[in-house]
Amino acid sequence: MERHDPSLYEDGETNLSKEEWEEIRRLHASDTAIDKEKDTIELELAKHCLERNIPYLGICRGSQVLNVACGGTLYQDIRKELLKNFPPEKKVVHMDYDNYDGHRHGVKIVEDTPLHQWFEESLQDNMEIRVNSYYHQGVKRLAQRFKPMAYAPDGLIEGFYDPDAYNPEEGKFIKGLQFHPERMRKANSDEFDYPGCTAAYKMNEEREKLARAVMGKMTIEQLSDLNLFYHMMGQISSDMLEKKQLQNVSTNML
């Protein structure tokens, strides 16, 4: 996952030194390249969804894009900014390259939120679950329209949603998760860590049924916009895929 372009995502409060930036690039060599074109496209797509009330589930980078599209900001490096003054024993490890898919840390679920509903049968009195973690950036200032759904022990927001746009019976939602429920599986198994891991997604049959019900209520203009949106996404994906393939060919020839 490329690092977000700070010029698009910061709020001017970051005071990272040149030496700290160099250390961040060394530690996250595969995760610090900036693709301004990708950032711009994803921000525009997120805003397109929001303007047209298209359901949005942002996972990891997608949640960060969603927050910024709505006016929020990001930590450019959690360890250097959020955790800088934490005692060692209280620092949360948000990225473990040596145990990439197996690494977990705790998060506390906020009551009466979609996450609470999804994982309710697995929650104890402490309202905690353990989630995977693949990132060194995260939500710094949450956009005003959103409410948190989960926090890491260091205070980092791990999930959020728009309560005014949440109506699952009508297929309406705008939500972001910093972790990947679809990848929270037990070692050497397809079994999920928690039954609630699948609740963030709809099964194909249910999704198609819901989509048809929702689109059946749309006007011709709304359906036309939706069709154009997905056609645009397909074209952008094809263009970007071709561009990346050409870049790989050029690199391999060097």
C-alpha atoms as a PDB file:
ATOM      1  CA  MET A   1       0.000   0.000   0.000  1.00  0.00           C
ATOM      2  CA  GLU A   2       1.568   3.295  -1.087  1.00  0.00           C
ATOM      3  CA  ARG A   3       1.889   6.085   1.456  1.00  0.00           C
ATOM      4  CA  HIS A   4      -0.644   8.863   1.072  1.00  0.00           C
ATOM      5  CA  ASP A   5       0.667  12.145  -0.331  1.00  0.00           C
ATOM      6  CA  PRO A   6       1.062  14.411   2.739  1.00  0.00           C
ATOM      7  CA  SER A   7       0.045  17.484   0.738  1.00  0.00           C
ATOM      8  CA  LEU A   8      -3.417  15.956   0.343  1.00  0.00           C
ATOM      9  CA  TYR A   9      -3.823  14.354   3.744  1.00  0.00           C
ATOM     10  CA  GLU A  10      -2.096  16.437   6.420  1.00  0.00           C
ATOM     11  CA  ASP A  11      -3.412  19.365   8.433  1.00  0.00           C
ATOM     12  CA  GLY A  12      -0.144  21.177   8.983  1.00  0.00           C
ATOM     13  CA  GLU A  13       0.336  19.827  12.506  1.00  0.00           C
ATOM     14  CA  THR A  14       2.960  17.191  11.681  1.00  0.00           C
ATOM     15  CA  ASN A  15       6.435  18.106  12.938  1.00  0.00           C
ATOM     16  CA  LEU A  16       8.463  15.180  11.660  1.00  0.00           C
ATOM     17  CA  SER A  17      12.110  15.984  11.067  1.00  0.00           C
ATOM     18  CA  LYS A  18      14.057  15.047   7.945  1.00  0.00           C
ATOM     19  CA  GLU A  19      15.841  12.336   9.939  1.00  0.00           C
ATOM     20  CA  GLU A  20      12.509  10.902  11.141  1.00  0.00           C
ATOM     21  CA  TRP A  21      11.184  10.801   7.562  1.00  0.00           C
ATOM     22  CA  GLU A  22      14.311   8.934   6.473  1.00  0.00           C
ATOM     23  CA  GLU A  23      13.842   6.411   9.284  1.00  0.00           C
ATOM     24  CA  ILE A  24      10.189   5.927   8.302  1.00  0.00           C
ATOM     25  CA  ARG A  25      11.229   5.246   4.702  1.00  0.00           C
ATOM     26  CA  ARG A  26      13.821   2.704   5.852  1.00  0.00           C
ATOM     27  CA  LEU A  27      11.401   0.890   8.164  1.00  0.00           C
ATOM     28  CA  HIS A  28       8.557   0.849   5.624  1.00  0.00           C
ATOM     29  CA  ALA A  29      10.476   0.613   2.351  1.00  0.00           C
ATOM     30  CA  SER A  30       7.643  -1.182   0.558  1.00  0.00           C
ATOM     31  CA  ASP A  31       5.006   1.164   1.931  1.00  0.00           C
ATOM     32  CA  THR A  32       6.309   4.693   1.506  1.00  0.00           C
ATOM     33  CA  ALA A  33       6.182   5.346  -2.237  1.00  0.00           C
ATOM     34  CA  ILE A  34       3.758   8.143  -3.114  1.00  0.00           C
ATOM     35  CA  ASP A  35       1.429   7.770  -6.092  1.00  0.00           C
ATOM     36  CA  LYS A  36      -0.218  11.174  -6.451  1.00  0.00           C
ATOM     37  CA  GLU A  37      -2.324   9.992  -9.377  1.00  0.00           C
ATOM     38  CA  LYS A  38      -3.734   7.123  -7.310  1.00  0.00           C
ATOM     39  CA  ASP A  39      -4.407   9.426  -4.347  1.00  0.00           C
ATOM     40  CA  THR A  40      -6.256  11.911  -6.544  1.00  0.00           C
ATOM     41  CA  ILE A  41      -8.336   9.231  -8.288  1.00  0.00           C
ATOM     42  CA  GLU A  42      -9.316   7.512  -5.037  1.00  0.00           C
ATOM     43  CA  LEU A  43     -10.278  10.792  -3.385  1.00  0.00           C
ATOM     44  CA  GLU A  44     -12.451  11.724  -6.364  1.00  0.00           C
ATOM     45  CA  LEU A  45     -14.105   8.286  -6.398  1.00  0.00           C
ATOM     46  CA  ALA A  46     -14.817   8.527  -2.655  1.00  0.00           C
ATOM     47  CA  LYS A  47     -16.362  11.977  -3.103  1.00  0.00           C
ATOM     48  CA  HIS A  48     -18.385  10.655  -6.050  1.00  0.00           C
ATOM     49  CA  CYS A  49     -19.843   7.915  -3.843  1.00  0.00           C
ATOM     50  CA  LEU A  50     -20.627  10.357  -1.043  1.00  0.00           C
ATOM     51  CA  GLU A  51     -22.319  12.882  -3.346  1.00  0.00           C
ATOM     52  CA  ARG A  52     -24.548  10.174  -4.846  1.00  0.00           C
ATOM     53  CA  ASN A  53     -25.271   8.239  -1.619  1.00  0.00           C
ATOM     54  CA  ILE A  54     -23.547   5.133  -2.968  1.00  0.00           C
ATOM     55  CA  PRO A  55     -22.825   2.660  -0.098  1.00  0.00           C
ATOM     56  CA  TYR A  56     -19.157   2.819   0.948  1.00  0.00           C
ATOM     57  CA  LEU A  57     -17.115   0.308   2.945  1.00  0.00           C
ATOM     58  CA  GLY A  58     -13.516   1.465   3.280  1.00  0.00           C
ATOM     59  CA  ILE A  59     -10.974  -1.122   4.428  1.00  0.00           C
ATOM     60  CA  CYS A  60      -7.503  -0.058   5.624  1.00  0.00           C
ATOM     61  CA  ARG A  61      -6.318   2.543   3.064  1.00  0.00           C
ATOM     62  CA  GLY A  62      -9.930   2.856   1.908  1.00  0.00           C
ATOM     63  CA  SER A  63     -10.983   4.019   5.376  1.00  0.00           C
ATOM     64  CA  GLN A  64      -8.207   6.605   5.404  1.00  0.00           C
ATOM     65  CA  VAL A  65      -9.296   7.900   1.990  1.00  0.00           C
ATOM     66  CA  LEU A  66     -12.889   8.111   3.235  1.00  0.00           C
ATOM     67  CA  ASN A  67     -11.925  10.097   6.324  1.00  0.00           C
ATOM     68  CA  VAL A  68      -9.867  12.592   4.341  1.00  0.00           C
ATOM     69  CA  ALA A  69     -12.528  12.924   1.625  1.00  0.00           C
ATOM     70  CA  CYS A  70     -14.866  14.116   4.392  1.00  0.00           C
ATOM     71  CA  GLY A  71     -12.419  16.565   5.941  1.00  0.00           C
ATOM     72  CA  GLY A  72     -10.433  14.404   8.367  1.00  0.00           C
ATOM     73  CA  THR A  73      -6.653  14.037   8.602  1.00  0.00           C
ATOM     74  CA  LEU A  74      -4.080  11.255   9.044  1.00  0.00           C
ATOM     75  CA  TYR A  75      -1.020  10.463  11.074  1.00  0.00           C
ATOM     76  CA  GLN A  76       1.782  10.090   8.547  1.00  0.00           C
ATOM     77  CA  ASP A  77       3.476   7.652  10.938  1.00  0.00           C
ATOM     78  CA  ILE A  78       1.691   6.362  14.035  1.00  0.00           C
ATOM     79  CA  ARG A  79       4.871   5.340  15.857  1.00  0.00           C
ATOM     80  CA  LYS A  80       6.590   8.703  15.338  1.00  0.00           C
ATOM     81  CA  GLU A  81       3.568  10.893  16.042  1.00  0.00           C
ATOM     82  CA  LEU A  82       0.923   9.225  18.214  1.00  0.00           C
ATOM     83  CA  LEU A  83       3.210   6.887  20.157  1.00  0.00           C
ATOM     84  CA  LYS A  84       6.245   9.160  20.459  1.00  0.00           C
ATOM     85  CA  ASN A  85       5.740   9.896  24.162  1.00  0.00           C
ATOM     86  CA  PHE A  86       4.164   6.576  25.176  1.00  0.00           C
ATOM     87  CA  PRO A  87       6.100   4.345  27.611  1.00  0.00           C
ATOM     88  CA  PRO A  88       7.383   1.207  25.808  1.00  0.00           C
ATOM     89  CA  GLU A  89       5.006  -1.136  27.625  1.00  0.00           C
ATOM     90  CA  LYS A  90       1.958   0.826  26.386  1.00  0.00           C
ATOM     91  CA  LYS A  91       2.942   1.139  22.740  1.00  0.00           C
ATOM     92  CA  VAL A  92       0.725  -0.821  20.336  1.00  0.00           C
ATOM     93  CA  VAL A  93       2.451  -2.606  17.450  1.00  0.00           C
ATOM     94  CA  HIS A  94       0.456  -1.664  14.357  1.00  0.00           C
ATOM     95  CA  MET A  95       2.834  -3.222  11.822  1.00  0.00           C
ATOM     96  CA  ASP A  96       4.778  -6.484  12.222  1.00  0.00           C
ATOM     97  CA  TYR A  97       6.545  -7.467   9.016  1.00  0.00           C
ATOM     98  CA  ASP A  98       7.866 -10.693  10.600  1.00  0.00           C
ATOM     99  CA  ASN A  99       4.343 -11.914  11.423  1.00  0.00           C
ATOM    100  CA  TYR A 100       2.405 -10.073   8.740  1.00  0.00           C
ATOM    101  CA  ASP A 101      -0.882 -12.007   8.615  1.00  0.00           C
ATOM    102  CA  GLY A 102      -0.667 -13.505  12.081  1.00  0.00           C
ATOM    103  CA  HIS A 103      -0.116 -10.317  14.057  1.00  0.00           C
ATOM    104  CA  ARG A 104      -3.038  -9.133  16.205  1.00  0.00           C
ATOM    105  CA  HIS A 105      -3.671  -6.377  18.733  1.00  0.00           C
ATOM    106  CA  GLY A 106      -6.696  -5.580  20.859  1.00  0.00           C
ATOM    107  CA  VAL A 107      -9.386  -3.026  20.071  1.00  0.00           C
ATOM    108  CA  LYS A 108     -12.296  -1.896  22.222  1.00  0.00           C
ATOM    109  CA  ILE A 109     -15.661  -1.852  20.460  1.00  0.00           C
ATOM    110  CA  VAL A 110     -17.973   1.101  21.040  1.00  0.00           C
ATOM    111  CA  GLU A 111     -21.456   0.105  22.199  1.00  0.00           C
ATOM    112  CA  ASP A 112     -24.491   0.512  19.953  1.00  0.00           C
ATOM    113  CA  THR A 113     -22.478   0.733  16.739  1.00  0.00           C
ATOM    114  CA  PRO A 114     -22.480  -1.585  13.693  1.00  0.00           C
ATOM    115  CA  LEU A 115     -19.259  -3.232  14.949  1.00  0.00           C
ATOM    116  CA  HIS A 116     -20.966  -3.965  18.260  1.00  0.00           C
ATOM    117  CA  GLN A 117     -23.780  -5.686  16.370  1.00  0.00           C
ATOM    118  CA  TRP A 118     -21.417  -7.685  14.133  1.00  0.00           C
ATOM    119  CA  PHE A 119     -19.204  -9.026  16.948  1.00  0.00           C
ATOM    120  CA  GLU A 120     -21.728  -9.045  19.799  1.00  0.00           C
ATOM    121  CA  GLU A 121     -21.689 -12.817  20.355  1.00  0.00           C
ATOM    122  CA  SER A 122     -17.887 -12.794  20.728  1.00  0.00           C
ATOM    123  CA  LEU A 123     -17.606  -9.827  23.109  1.00  0.00           C
ATOM    124  CA  GLN A 124     -16.912 -10.188  26.810  1.00  0.00           C
ATOM    125  CA  ASP A 125     -17.455  -7.520  29.466  1.00  0.00           C
ATOM    126  CA  ASN A 126     -14.369  -5.628  28.287  1.00  0.00           C
ATOM    127  CA  MET A 127     -15.911  -5.214  24.804  1.00  0.00           C
ATOM    128  CA  GLU A 128     -12.636  -6.205  23.138  1.00  0.00           C
ATOM    129  CA  ILE A 129     -11.634  -8.278  20.136  1.00  0.00           C
ATOM    130  CA  ARG A 130      -8.214  -8.807  18.575  1.00  0.00           C
ATOM    131  CA  VAL A 131      -7.720  -7.577  15.029  1.00  0.00           C
ATOM    132  CA  ASN A 132      -5.027  -7.740  12.365  1.00  0.00           C
ATOM    133  CA  SER A 133      -2.888  -4.724  11.593  1.00  0.00           C
ATOM    134  CA  TYR A 134      -0.986  -3.791   8.417  1.00  0.00           C
ATOM    135  CA  TYR A 135      -0.342  -0.069   8.590  1.00  0.00           C
ATOM    136  CA  HIS A 136       1.845   2.742   9.905  1.00  0.00           C
ATOM    137  CA  GLN A 137      -0.622   5.527   9.034  1.00  0.00           C
ATOM    138  CA  GLY A 138      -4.034   6.063  10.597  1.00  0.00           C
ATOM    139  CA  VAL A 139      -6.837   8.465  11.441  1.00  0.00           C
ATOM    140  CA  LYS A 140      -5.579  11.559  13.253  1.00  0.00           C
ATOM    141  CA  ARG A 141      -8.625  13.848  13.255  1.00  0.00           C
ATOM    142  CA  LEU A 142     -11.880  12.067  12.476  1.00  0.00           C
ATOM    143  CA  ALA A 143     -14.154  13.883  10.046  1.00  0.00           C
ATOM    144  CA  GLN A 144     -17.072  15.541  11.829  1.00  0.00           C
ATOM    145  CA  ARG A 145     -19.786  13.423  10.207  1.00  0.00           C
ATOM    146  CA  PHE A 146     -18.348  10.163  11.564  1.00  0.00           C
ATOM    147  CA  LYS A 147     -18.622   8.370  14.893  1.00  0.00           C
ATOM    148  CA  PRO A 148     -15.932   5.960  16.149  1.00  0.00           C
ATOM    149  CA  MET A 149     -16.759   2.253  16.292  1.00  0.00           C
ATOM    150  CA  ALA A 150     -13.501   0.963  17.828  1.00  0.00           C
ATOM    151  CA  TYR A 151     -10.283   2.180  19.454  1.00  0.00           C
ATOM    152  CA  ALA A 152      -6.871   0.603  19.881  1.00  0.00           C
ATOM    153  CA  PRO A 153      -5.391   0.830  23.429  1.00  0.00           C
ATOM    154  CA  ASP A 154      -3.245   3.781  22.282  1.00  0.00           C
ATOM    155  CA  GLY A 155      -6.385   5.713  21.314  1.00  0.00           C
ATOM    156  CA  LEU A 156      -6.094   5.205  17.545  1.00  0.00           C
ATOM    157  CA  ILE A 157      -9.510   4.977  15.869  1.00  0.00           C
ATOM    158  CA  GLU A 158      -9.843   1.539  14.257  1.00  0.00           C
ATOM    159  CA  GLY A 159     -13.359   1.861  12.850  1.00  0.00           C
ATOM    160  CA  PHE A 160     -15.941   4.580  12.206  1.00  0.00           C
ATOM    161  CA  TYR A 161     -19.273   5.152  10.471  1.00  0.00           C
ATOM    162  CA  ASP A 162     -21.818   7.826   9.591  1.00  0.00           C
ATOM    163  CA  PRO A 163     -24.854   7.196  11.846  1.00  0.00           C
ATOM    164  CA  ASP A 164     -27.045   9.464   9.721  1.00  0.00           C
ATOM    165  CA  ALA A 165     -26.342   7.398   6.600  1.00  0.00           C
ATOM    166  CA  TYR A 166     -26.624   3.955   8.204  1.00  0.00           C
ATOM    167  CA  ASN A 167     -29.679   1.924   7.242  1.00  0.00           C
ATOM    168  CA  PRO A 168     -28.639  -1.652   6.405  1.00  0.00           C
ATOM    169  CA  GLU A 169     -32.214  -2.727   5.660  1.00  0.00           C
ATOM    170  CA  GLU A 170     -32.170  -0.309   2.726  1.00  0.00           C
ATOM    171  CA  GLY A 171     -28.558  -1.070   1.833  1.00  0.00           C
ATOM    172  CA  LYS A 172     -27.303   2.318   3.024  1.00  0.00           C
ATOM    173  CA  PHE A 173     -24.007   2.693   4.857  1.00  0.00           C
ATOM    174  CA  ILE A 174     -20.796   4.712   4.945  1.00  0.00           C
ATOM    175  CA  LYS A 175     -18.193   3.105   7.161  1.00  0.00           C
ATOM    176  CA  GLY A 176     -14.458   2.595   7.482  1.00  0.00           C
ATOM    177  CA  LEU A 177     -12.408  -0.154   9.113  1.00  0.00           C
ATOM    178  CA  GLN A 178      -8.656   0.107   9.640  1.00  0.00           C
ATOM    179  CA  PHE A 179      -8.349  -3.683   9.981  1.00  0.00           C
ATOM    180  CA  HIS A 180      -9.187  -6.448   7.495  1.00  0.00           C
ATOM    181  CA  PRO A 181     -12.027  -8.712   8.783  1.00  0.00           C
ATOM    182  CA  GLU A 182     -11.812 -10.835   5.612  1.00  0.00           C
ATOM    183  CA  ARG A 183      -8.203 -11.747   6.472  1.00  0.00           C
ATOM    184  CA  MET A 184      -8.791 -12.492  10.155  1.00  0.00           C
ATOM    185  CA  ARG A 185      -8.514 -16.261   9.852  1.00  0.00           C
ATOM    186  CA  LYS A 186      -6.955 -18.864  12.106  1.00  0.00           C
ATOM    187  CA  ALA A 187      -3.507 -20.161  11.159  1.00  0.00           C
ATOM    188  CA  ASN A 188      -3.515 -22.674   8.279  1.00  0.00           C
ATOM    189  CA  SER A 189      -7.304 -22.565   8.160  1.00  0.00           C
ATOM    190  CA  ASP A 190     -10.181 -20.873   6.365  1.00  0.00           C
ATOM    191  CA  GLU A 191     -11.988 -20.469   9.700  1.00  0.00           C
ATOM    192  CA  PHE A 192     -12.479 -16.871  10.760  1.00  0.00           C
ATOM    193  CA  ASP A 193     -11.241 -15.608  14.131  1.00  0.00           C
ATOM    194  CA  TYR A 194     -14.798 -14.509  14.955  1.00  0.00           C
ATOM    195  CA  PRO A 195     -18.215 -15.177  13.396  1.00  0.00           C
ATOM    196  CA  GLY A 196     -18.625 -11.407  13.107  1.00  0.00           C
ATOM    197  CA  CYS A 197     -15.798 -11.152  10.573  1.00  0.00           C
ATOM    198  CA  THR A 198     -18.224 -11.890   7.752  1.00  0.00           C
ATOM    199  CA  ALA A 199     -20.891  -9.471   8.975  1.00  0.00           C
ATOM    200  CA  ALA A 200     -19.191  -6.482   7.361  1.00  0.00           C
ATOM    201  CA  TYR A 201     -19.843  -8.082   3.983  1.00  0.00           C
ATOM    202  CA  LYS A 202     -22.931  -9.499   2.364  1.00  0.00           C
ATOM    203  CA  MET A 203     -23.001 -12.986   0.898  1.00  0.00           C
ATOM    204  CA  ASN A 204     -23.341 -12.945  -2.873  1.00  0.00           C
ATOM    205  CA  GLU A 205     -26.974 -14.018  -2.916  1.00  0.00           C
ATOM    206  CA  GLU A 206     -27.974 -11.541  -0.211  1.00  0.00           C
ATOM    207  CA  ARG A 207     -25.944  -8.766  -1.833  1.00  0.00           C
ATOM    208  CA  GLU A 208     -27.595  -9.278  -5.215  1.00  0.00           C
ATOM    209  CA  LYS A 209     -31.056  -9.383  -3.665  1.00  0.00           C
ATOM    210  CA  LEU A 210     -30.380  -6.215  -1.674  1.00  0.00           C
ATOM    211  CA  ALA A 211     -28.823  -4.438  -4.659  1.00  0.00           C
ATOM    212  CA  ARG A 212     -31.823  -5.213  -6.839  1.00  0.00           C
ATOM    213  CA  ALA A 213     -34.200  -3.979  -4.143  1.00  0.00           C
ATOM    214  CA  VAL A 214     -32.265  -0.739  -3.684  1.00  0.00           C
ATOM    215  CA  MET A 215     -31.828  -0.083  -7.405  1.00  0.00           C
ATOM    216  CA  GLY A 216     -35.471  -0.833  -7.978  1.00  0.00           C
ATOM    217  CA  LYS A 217     -36.261   2.301  -5.979  1.00  0.00           C
ATOM    218  CA  MET A 218     -33.806   4.488  -7.895  1.00  0.00           C
ATOM    219  CA  THR A 219     -34.823   7.018 -10.490  1.00  0.00           C
ATOM    220  CA  ILE A 220     -33.659   6.775 -14.100  1.00  0.00           C
ATOM    221  CA  GLU A 221     -31.205   9.601 -13.427  1.00  0.00           C
ATOM    222  CA  GLN A 222     -29.740   7.836 -10.374  1.00  0.00           C
ATOM    223  CA  LEU A 223     -29.387   4.556 -12.262  1.00  0.00           C
ATOM    224  CA  SER A 224     -27.715   6.374 -15.127  1.00  0.00           C
ATOM    225  CA  ASP A 225     -25.250   8.001 -12.708  1.00  0.00           C
ATOM    226  CA  LEU A 226     -24.520   4.640 -11.090  1.00  0.00           C
ATOM    227  CA  ASN A 227     -23.939   2.997 -14.462  1.00  0.00           C
ATOM    228  CA  LEU A 228     -21.575   5.801 -15.518  1.00  0.00           C
ATOM    229  CA  PHE A 229     -19.732   5.568 -12.197  1.00  0.00           C
ATOM    230  CA  TYR A 230     -18.978   1.863 -12.534  1.00  0.00           C
ATOM    231  CA  HIS A 231     -18.093   2.278 -16.212  1.00  0.00           C
ATOM    232  CA  MET A 232     -15.628   5.013 -15.174  1.00  0.00           C
ATOM    233  CA  MET A 233     -14.161   2.798 -12.446  1.00  0.00           C
ATOM    234  CA  GLY A 234     -13.709  -0.037 -14.943  1.00  0.00           C
ATOM    235  CA  GLN A 235     -11.971   2.266 -17.407  1.00  0.00           C
ATOM    236  CA  ILE A 236      -9.697   3.725 -14.726  1.00  0.00           C
ATOM    237  CA  SER A 237      -8.817   0.231 -13.487  1.00  0.00           C
ATOM    238  CA  SER A 238      -7.966  -0.900 -17.021  1.00  0.00           C
ATOM    239  CA  ASP A 239      -5.834   2.195 -17.635  1.00  0.00           C
ATOM    240  CA  MET A 240      -3.981   1.848 -14.329  1.00  0.00           C
ATOM    241  CA  LEU A 241      -3.434  -1.889 -14.870  1.00  0.00           C
ATOM    242  CA  GLU A 242      -1.949  -1.242 -18.302  1.00  0.00           C
ATOM    243  CA  LYS A 243       0.251   1.523 -16.888  1.00  0.00           C
ATOM    244  CA  LYS A 244       1.558  -0.702 -14.069  1.00  0.00           C
ATOM    245  CA  GLN A 245       2.249  -3.581 -16.468  1.00  0.00           C
ATOM    246  CA  LEU A 246       4.249  -1.282 -18.756  1.00  0.00           C
ATOM    247  CA  GLN A 247       6.197   0.023 -15.758  1.00  0.00           C
ATOM    248  CA  ASN A 248       7.025  -3.552 -14.694  1.00  0.00           C
ATOM    249  CA  VAL A 249       8.197  -4.422 -18.216  1.00  0.00           C
ATOM    250  CA  SER A 250      10.416  -1.315 -18.299  1.00  0.00           C
ATOM    251  CA  THR A 251      11.861  -2.132 -14.863  1.00  0.00           C
ATOM    252  CA  ASN A 252      12.625  -5.721 -15.826  1.00  0.00           C
ATOM    253  CA  MET A 253      14.443  -4.564 -18.956  1.00  0.00           C
ATOM    254  CA  LEU A 254      16.832  -2.357 -16.957  1.00  0.00           C
END
